[in-house]
């Protein structure tokens, strides 16, 4: 599921590839994150190390940043 969510995050943020998205995050204090719940693809900027961020759509701590999903953090 992580790979699918990463693909959705790359597409929704308008990047050409996962590498492009991750390079944009490396020197920033925020990073795109996506809800990990089935049926919810809500995205929001969060801290790069976020692995349990609050999703305002699902009302759960299910948000993960691209850096965490890619296994870099």
N, C-alpha and C. Protein backbone atom coordinates (compact mmCIF):
# COMPACT_ATOMS: atom_id res chain seq x y z
N UNK A 1 0.82 -1.19 0.00
CA UNK A 1 0.00 0.00 0.00
C UNK A 1 0.87 1.26 0.00
N UNK A 2 2.04 1.22 0.63
CA UNK A 2 2.90 2.40 0.68
C UNK A 2 3.29 2.89 -0.71
N UNK A 3 3.61 1.95 -1.60
CA UNK A 3 4.01 2.34 -2.96
C UNK A 3 2.86 3.01 -3.69
N UNK A 4 1.66 2.49 -3.53
CA UNK A 4 0.48 3.08 -4.16
C UNK A 4 0.22 4.48 -3.63
N UNK A 5 0.33 4.64 -2.32
CA UNK A 5 0.11 5.96 -1.71
C UNK A 5 1.20 6.93 -2.15
N UNK A 6 2.43 6.46 -2.27
CA UNK A 6 3.51 7.33 -2.76
C UNK A 6 3.23 7.78 -4.18
N UNK A 7 2.78 6.87 -5.03
CA UNK A 7 2.44 7.23 -6.41
C UNK A 7 1.35 8.29 -6.45
N UNK A 8 0.33 8.12 -5.62
CA UNK A 8 -0.76 9.10 -5.56
C UNK A 8 -0.25 10.45 -5.06
N UNK A 9 0.65 10.43 -4.11
CA UNK A 9 1.21 11.67 -3.57
C UNK A 9 2.05 12.39 -4.62
N UNK A 10 2.87 11.65 -5.35
CA UNK A 10 3.69 12.24 -6.42
C UNK A 10 2.78 12.91 -7.46
N UNK A 11 1.74 12.20 -7.88
CA UNK A 11 0.83 12.73 -8.90
C UNK A 11 0.05 13.94 -8.39
N UNK A 12 -0.47 13.86 -7.17
CA UNK A 12 -1.29 14.97 -6.66
C UNK A 12 -0.48 16.23 -6.41
N UNK A 13 0.81 16.07 -6.11
CA UNK A 13 1.67 17.23 -5.87
C UNK A 13 2.29 17.77 -7.16
N UNK A 14 2.10 17.06 -8.27
CA UNK A 14 2.57 17.55 -9.57
C UNK A 14 4.03 17.29 -9.88
N UNK A 15 4.64 16.33 -9.21
CA UNK A 15 6.04 16.00 -9.48
C UNK A 15 6.13 14.95 -10.58
N UNK A 16 7.23 14.96 -11.33
CA UNK A 16 7.43 14.01 -12.40
C UNK A 16 7.84 12.64 -11.93
N UNK A 17 8.43 12.58 -10.74
CA UNK A 17 8.88 11.30 -10.20
C UNK A 17 8.99 11.39 -8.69
N UNK A 18 9.13 10.24 -8.06
CA UNK A 18 9.34 10.20 -6.61
C UNK A 18 10.63 10.90 -6.24
N UNK A 19 11.67 10.71 -7.03
CA UNK A 19 12.94 11.38 -6.75
C UNK A 19 12.79 12.90 -6.73
N UNK A 20 12.01 13.45 -7.67
CA UNK A 20 11.79 14.89 -7.71
C UNK A 20 11.10 15.37 -6.43
N UNK A 21 10.09 14.62 -5.99
CA UNK A 21 9.38 14.99 -4.76
C UNK A 21 10.31 14.94 -3.55
N UNK A 22 11.09 13.87 -3.45
CA UNK A 22 11.99 13.72 -2.29
C UNK A 22 13.08 14.79 -2.29
N UNK A 23 13.60 15.12 -3.46
CA UNK A 23 14.62 16.18 -3.53
C UNK A 23 14.06 17.52 -3.07
N UNK A 24 12.80 17.77 -3.38
CA UNK A 24 12.17 19.02 -2.95
C UNK A 24 11.99 19.06 -1.43
N UNK A 25 11.87 17.91 -0.81
CA UNK A 25 11.66 17.83 0.65
C UNK A 25 12.94 17.90 1.46
N UNK A 26 14.05 17.54 0.87
CA UNK A 26 15.30 17.38 1.62
C UNK A 26 15.69 18.63 2.40
N UNK A 27 15.55 19.79 1.82
CA UNK A 27 16.01 21.01 2.47
C UNK A 27 14.86 21.89 2.96
N UNK A 28 13.69 21.30 3.14
CA UNK A 28 12.52 22.06 3.57
C UNK A 28 12.06 21.57 4.93
N UNK A 29 11.35 22.41 5.65
CA UNK A 29 10.86 22.02 6.97
C UNK A 29 9.50 21.34 6.90
N UNK A 30 8.90 21.28 5.72
CA UNK A 30 7.64 20.56 5.52
C UNK A 30 7.77 19.65 4.31
N UNK A 31 6.89 18.67 4.27
CA UNK A 31 6.94 17.66 3.22
C UNK A 31 5.51 17.22 2.93
N UNK A 32 5.18 16.87 1.69
CA UNK A 32 3.84 16.35 1.43
C UNK A 32 3.59 15.07 2.22
N UNK A 33 2.38 14.95 2.75
CA UNK A 33 1.97 13.75 3.48
C UNK A 33 0.62 13.30 2.95
N UNK A 34 0.31 12.02 3.12
CA UNK A 34 -0.95 11.46 2.63
C UNK A 34 -1.56 10.57 3.70
N UNK A 35 -2.87 10.52 3.71
CA UNK A 35 -3.60 9.65 4.64
C UNK A 35 -3.42 8.21 4.19
N UNK A 36 -3.14 7.33 5.13
CA UNK A 36 -2.90 5.93 4.82
C UNK A 36 -4.15 5.06 4.91
N UNK A 37 -5.28 5.63 5.28
CA UNK A 37 -6.52 4.85 5.36
C UNK A 37 -7.03 4.51 3.97
N UNK A 38 -7.57 3.29 3.83
CA UNK A 38 -8.18 2.89 2.57
C UNK A 38 -9.32 3.84 2.23
N UNK A 39 -9.38 4.25 0.98
CA UNK A 39 -10.45 5.12 0.53
C UNK A 39 -10.24 6.59 0.81
N UNK A 40 -9.16 6.95 1.45
CA UNK A 40 -8.87 8.36 1.71
C UNK A 40 -7.49 8.68 1.17
N UNK A 41 -7.40 9.69 0.34
CA UNK A 41 -6.13 10.13 -0.23
C UNK A 41 -5.88 11.60 0.08
N UNK A 42 -6.37 12.05 1.23
CA UNK A 42 -6.17 13.44 1.65
C UNK A 42 -4.67 13.71 1.77
N UNK A 43 -4.24 14.85 1.25
CA UNK A 43 -2.83 15.25 1.35
C UNK A 43 -2.71 16.60 2.04
N UNK A 44 -1.57 16.80 2.65
CA UNK A 44 -1.30 18.04 3.37
C UNK A 44 0.21 18.12 3.62
N UNK A 45 0.72 19.33 3.76
CA UNK A 45 2.12 19.52 4.13
C UNK A 45 2.29 19.25 5.62
N UNK A 46 3.27 18.43 5.97
CA UNK A 46 3.55 18.11 7.37
C UNK A 46 5.05 18.01 7.56
N UNK A 47 5.48 17.77 8.79
CA UNK A 47 6.89 17.61 9.08
C UNK A 47 7.42 16.39 8.33
N UNK A 48 8.68 16.43 7.88
CA UNK A 48 9.24 15.30 7.12
C UNK A 48 9.24 13.98 7.89
N UNK A 49 9.30 14.02 9.22
CA UNK A 49 9.34 12.78 10.00
C UNK A 49 7.96 12.35 10.51
N UNK A 50 6.92 12.95 9.99
CA UNK A 50 5.56 12.64 10.46
C UNK A 50 5.15 11.23 10.06
N UNK A 51 4.70 10.44 11.04
CA UNK A 51 4.23 9.09 10.74
C UNK A 51 2.86 8.78 11.35
N UNK A 52 2.27 9.75 12.06
CA UNK A 52 0.95 9.57 12.66
C UNK A 52 0.20 10.89 12.71
N UNK A 53 0.30 11.67 11.66
CA UNK A 53 -0.35 12.97 11.63
C UNK A 53 -1.86 12.85 11.55
N UNK A 54 -2.55 13.87 12.03
CA UNK A 54 -4.01 13.89 12.06
C UNK A 54 -4.58 14.17 10.68
N UNK A 55 -5.48 13.30 10.22
CA UNK A 55 -6.19 13.50 8.95
C UNK A 55 -7.53 14.15 9.25
N UNK A 56 -7.76 15.38 8.76
CA UNK A 56 -9.03 16.05 9.02
C UNK A 56 -10.22 15.43 8.28
N UNK A 57 -9.96 14.60 7.30
CA UNK A 57 -11.04 13.91 6.58
C UNK A 57 -11.52 12.68 7.35
N UNK A 58 -10.58 11.89 7.86
CA UNK A 58 -10.90 10.64 8.55
C UNK A 58 -10.97 10.79 10.06
N UNK A 59 -10.42 11.88 10.55
CA UNK A 59 -10.35 12.13 12.00
C UNK A 59 -9.55 11.05 12.72
N UNK A 60 -8.45 10.62 12.08
CA UNK A 60 -7.56 9.63 12.67
C UNK A 60 -6.11 10.08 12.51
N UNK A 61 -5.22 9.49 13.25
CA UNK A 61 -3.79 9.78 13.14
C UNK A 61 -3.16 8.89 12.09
N UNK A 62 -3.54 9.10 10.84
CA UNK A 62 -3.16 8.19 9.75
C UNK A 62 -2.32 8.83 8.66
N UNK A 63 -1.84 10.05 8.88
CA UNK A 63 -1.04 10.74 7.86
C UNK A 63 0.43 10.35 7.97
N UNK A 64 1.07 10.11 6.83
CA UNK A 64 2.51 9.83 6.78
C UNK A 64 3.13 10.70 5.70
N UNK A 65 4.32 11.19 6.01
CA UNK A 65 5.02 12.03 5.03
C UNK A 65 5.67 11.17 3.96
N UNK A 66 5.97 11.79 2.83
CA UNK A 66 6.63 11.09 1.73
C UNK A 66 7.98 10.55 2.17
N UNK A 67 8.69 11.27 3.01
CA UNK A 67 10.00 10.83 3.48
C UNK A 67 9.89 9.54 4.31
N UNK A 68 8.87 9.44 5.13
CA UNK A 68 8.65 8.22 5.92
C UNK A 68 8.21 7.08 5.01
N UNK A 69 7.27 7.36 4.10
CA UNK A 69 6.79 6.33 3.18
C UNK A 69 7.91 5.76 2.30
N UNK A 70 8.84 6.61 1.92
CA UNK A 70 9.95 6.17 1.07
C UNK A 70 11.05 5.47 1.87
N UNK A 71 10.92 5.47 3.19
CA UNK A 71 11.90 4.79 4.04
C UNK A 71 13.16 5.58 4.28
N UNK A 72 13.11 6.90 4.04
CA UNK A 72 14.29 7.74 4.27
C UNK A 72 14.38 8.23 5.71
N UNK A 73 13.28 8.19 6.40
CA UNK A 73 13.26 8.58 7.82
C UNK A 73 12.60 7.45 8.58
